[in-house]
C-alpha atoms as a PDB file:
ATOM      1  CA  UNK A   1      58.043  30.551 -57.559  1.00  0.00           C
ATOM      2  CA  UNK A   2      54.592  29.909 -56.145  1.00  0.00           C
ATOM      3  CA  UNK A   3      53.377  26.373 -55.373  1.00  0.00           C
ATOM      4  CA  UNK A   4      50.912  26.562 -58.172  1.00  0.00           C
ATOM      5  CA  UNK A   5      53.505  27.570 -60.771  1.00  0.00           C
ATOM      6  CA  UNK A   6      55.878  24.943 -59.452  1.00  0.00           C
ATOM      7  CA  UNK A   7      53.263  22.271 -59.866  1.00  0.00           C
ATOM      8  CA  UNK A   8      52.478  23.377 -63.373  1.00  0.00           C
ATOM      9  CA  UNK A   9      56.176  23.409 -64.396  1.00  0.00           C
ATOM     10  CA  UNK A  10      56.640  19.971 -62.810  1.00  0.00           C
ATOM     11  CA  UNK A  11      53.593  18.579 -64.643  1.00  0.00           C
ATOM     12  CA  UNK A  12      54.846  19.879 -67.962  1.00  0.00           C
ATOM     13  CA  UNK A  13      58.407  18.587 -67.641  1.00  0.00           C
ATOM     14  CA  UNK A  14      58.188  15.301 -65.794  1.00  0.00           C
ATOM     15  CA  UNK A  15      56.260  12.070 -66.063  1.00  0.00           C
ATOM     16  CA  UNK A  16      54.095  11.668 -63.100  1.00  0.00           C
ATOM     17  CA  UNK A  17      51.567   9.194 -61.833  1.00  0.00           C
ATOM     18  CA  UNK A  18      48.121   9.954 -60.466  1.00  0.00           C
ATOM     19  CA  UNK A  19      46.746   8.252 -57.476  1.00  0.00           C
ATOM     20  CA  UNK A  20      43.136   8.330 -56.275  1.00  0.00           C
ATOM     21  CA  UNK A  21      42.724   8.091 -52.499  1.00  0.00           C
ATOM     22  CA  UNK A  22      39.362   7.340 -50.892  1.00  0.00           C
ATOM     23  CA  UNK A  23      37.784   5.576 -48.015  1.00  0.00           C
ATOM     24  CA  UNK A  24      36.975   1.985 -48.720  1.00  0.00           C
ATOM     25  CA  UNK A  25      33.353   2.547 -47.683  1.00  0.00           C
ATOM     26  CA  UNK A  26      32.970   5.450 -50.104  1.00  0.00           C
ATOM     27  CA  UNK A  27      31.983   7.832 -47.355  1.00  0.00           C
ATOM     28  CA  UNK A  28      32.903  11.538 -47.748  1.00  0.00           C
ATOM     29  CA  UNK A  29      35.882  12.907 -45.802  1.00  0.00           C
ATOM     30  CA  UNK A  30      37.455  16.308 -45.252  1.00  0.00           C
ATOM     31  CA  UNK A  31      40.182  17.182 -47.885  1.00  0.00           C
ATOM     32  CA  UNK A  32      43.101  19.421 -47.173  1.00  0.00           C
ATOM     33  CA  UNK A  33      41.117  22.213 -48.740  1.00  0.00           C
ATOM     34  CA  UNK A  34      38.544  21.775 -45.996  1.00  0.00           C
ATOM     35  CA  UNK A  35      35.868  20.453 -48.464  1.00  0.00           C
ATOM     36  CA  UNK A  36      33.811  17.285 -48.014  1.00  0.00           C
ATOM     37  CA  UNK A  37      34.868  14.912 -50.831  1.00  0.00           C
ATOM     38  CA  UNK A  38      34.553  11.217 -51.583  1.00  0.00           C
ATOM     39  CA  UNK A  39      38.061  11.018 -53.115  1.00  0.00           C
ATOM     40  CA  UNK A  40      41.115  13.075 -53.925  1.00  0.00           C
ATOM     41  CA  UNK A  41      43.600  12.739 -56.760  1.00  0.00           C
ATOM     42  CA  UNK A  42      47.179  13.074 -55.672  1.00  0.00           C
ATOM     43  CA  UNK A  43      50.183  13.290 -58.038  1.00  0.00           C
ATOM     44  CA  UNK A  44      53.069  11.608 -56.335  1.00  0.00           C
ATOM     45  CA  UNK A  45      53.619   8.742 -53.811  1.00  0.00           C
ATOM     46  CA  UNK A  46      55.381  10.951 -51.212  1.00  0.00           C
ATOM     47  CA  UNK A  47      52.302  13.299 -51.320  1.00  0.00           C
ATOM     48  CA  UNK A  48      49.917  10.200 -50.796  1.00  0.00           C
ATOM     49  CA  UNK A  49      52.085   9.076 -47.942  1.00  0.00           C
ATOM     50  CA  UNK A  50      51.898  12.561 -46.442  1.00  0.00           C
ATOM     51  CA  UNK A  51      48.157  12.786 -46.890  1.00  0.00           C
ATOM     52  CA  UNK A  52      47.548   9.435 -45.273  1.00  0.00           C
ATOM     53  CA  UNK A  53      50.187   9.988 -42.565  1.00  0.00           C
ATOM     54  CA  UNK A  54      52.403   7.005 -43.220  1.00  0.00           C
ATOM     55  CA  UNK A  55      55.644   5.975 -44.895  1.00  0.00           C
ATOM     56  CA  UNK A  56      55.999   5.978 -48.687  1.00  0.00           C
ATOM     57  CA  UNK A  57      57.131   2.301 -48.468  1.00  0.00           C
ATOM     58  CA  UNK A  58      53.850   1.445 -46.783  1.00  0.00           C
ATOM     59  CA  UNK A  59      51.884   3.019 -49.659  1.00  0.00           C
ATOM     60  CA  UNK A  60      54.046   1.071 -52.280  1.00  0.00           C
ATOM     61  CA  UNK A  61      53.413  -2.133 -50.433  1.00  0.00           C
ATOM     62  CA  UNK A  62      49.598  -1.493 -50.424  1.00  0.00           C
ATOM     63  CA  UNK A  63      49.607  -0.765 -54.144  1.00  0.00           C
ATOM     64  CA  UNK A  64      51.588  -3.957 -54.866  1.00  0.00           C
ATOM     65  CA  UNK A  65      49.334  -6.126 -52.768  1.00  0.00           C
ATOM     66  CA  UNK A  66      46.066  -4.427 -53.765  1.00  0.00           C
ATOM     67  CA  UNK A  67      45.136  -4.002 -50.138  1.00  0.00           C
ATOM     68  CA  UNK A  68      43.986  -0.881 -48.235  1.00  0.00           C
ATOM     69  CA  UNK A  69      46.657   1.273 -46.697  1.00  0.00           C
ATOM     70  CA  UNK A  70      45.935   2.215 -43.097  1.00  0.00           C
ATOM     71  CA  UNK A  71      42.279   2.511 -43.711  1.00  0.00           C
ATOM     72  CA  UNK A  72      42.525   4.216 -47.129  1.00  0.00           C
ATOM     73  CA  UNK A  73      41.881   2.829 -50.632  1.00  0.00           C
ATOM     74  CA  UNK A  74      44.599   3.921 -53.103  1.00  0.00           C
ATOM     75  CA  UNK A  75      44.210   3.375 -56.870  1.00  0.00           C
ATOM     76  CA  UNK A  76      46.914   4.139 -59.507  1.00  0.00           C
ATOM     77  CA  UNK A  77      45.145   5.965 -62.228  1.00  0.00           C
ATOM     78  CA  UNK A  78      47.451   6.664 -65.107  1.00  0.00           C
ATOM     79  CA  UNK A  79      50.766   8.183 -66.124  1.00  0.00           C
ATOM     80  CA  UNK A  80      50.705  11.818 -67.149  1.00  0.00           C
ATOM     81  CA  UNK A  81      53.168  13.021 -69.829  1.00  0.00           C
END
């Protein structure tokens, strides 16, 4: 199963949360797709932690406190059914 197919199946059968990751200054940065963007939307906390390069627990604490996480701004967007 390809990664794209796996993500589609996962999105259809599980409840997921979406997180928007950006720099607090709003400056553009390089995404994993090698494009300059001002924010990226990531589906799971482990993926957010991997993107930032820290522990998932650190991300959870930042979300709870409303503070930046190692120089990144993380917003919980919504739940996806």
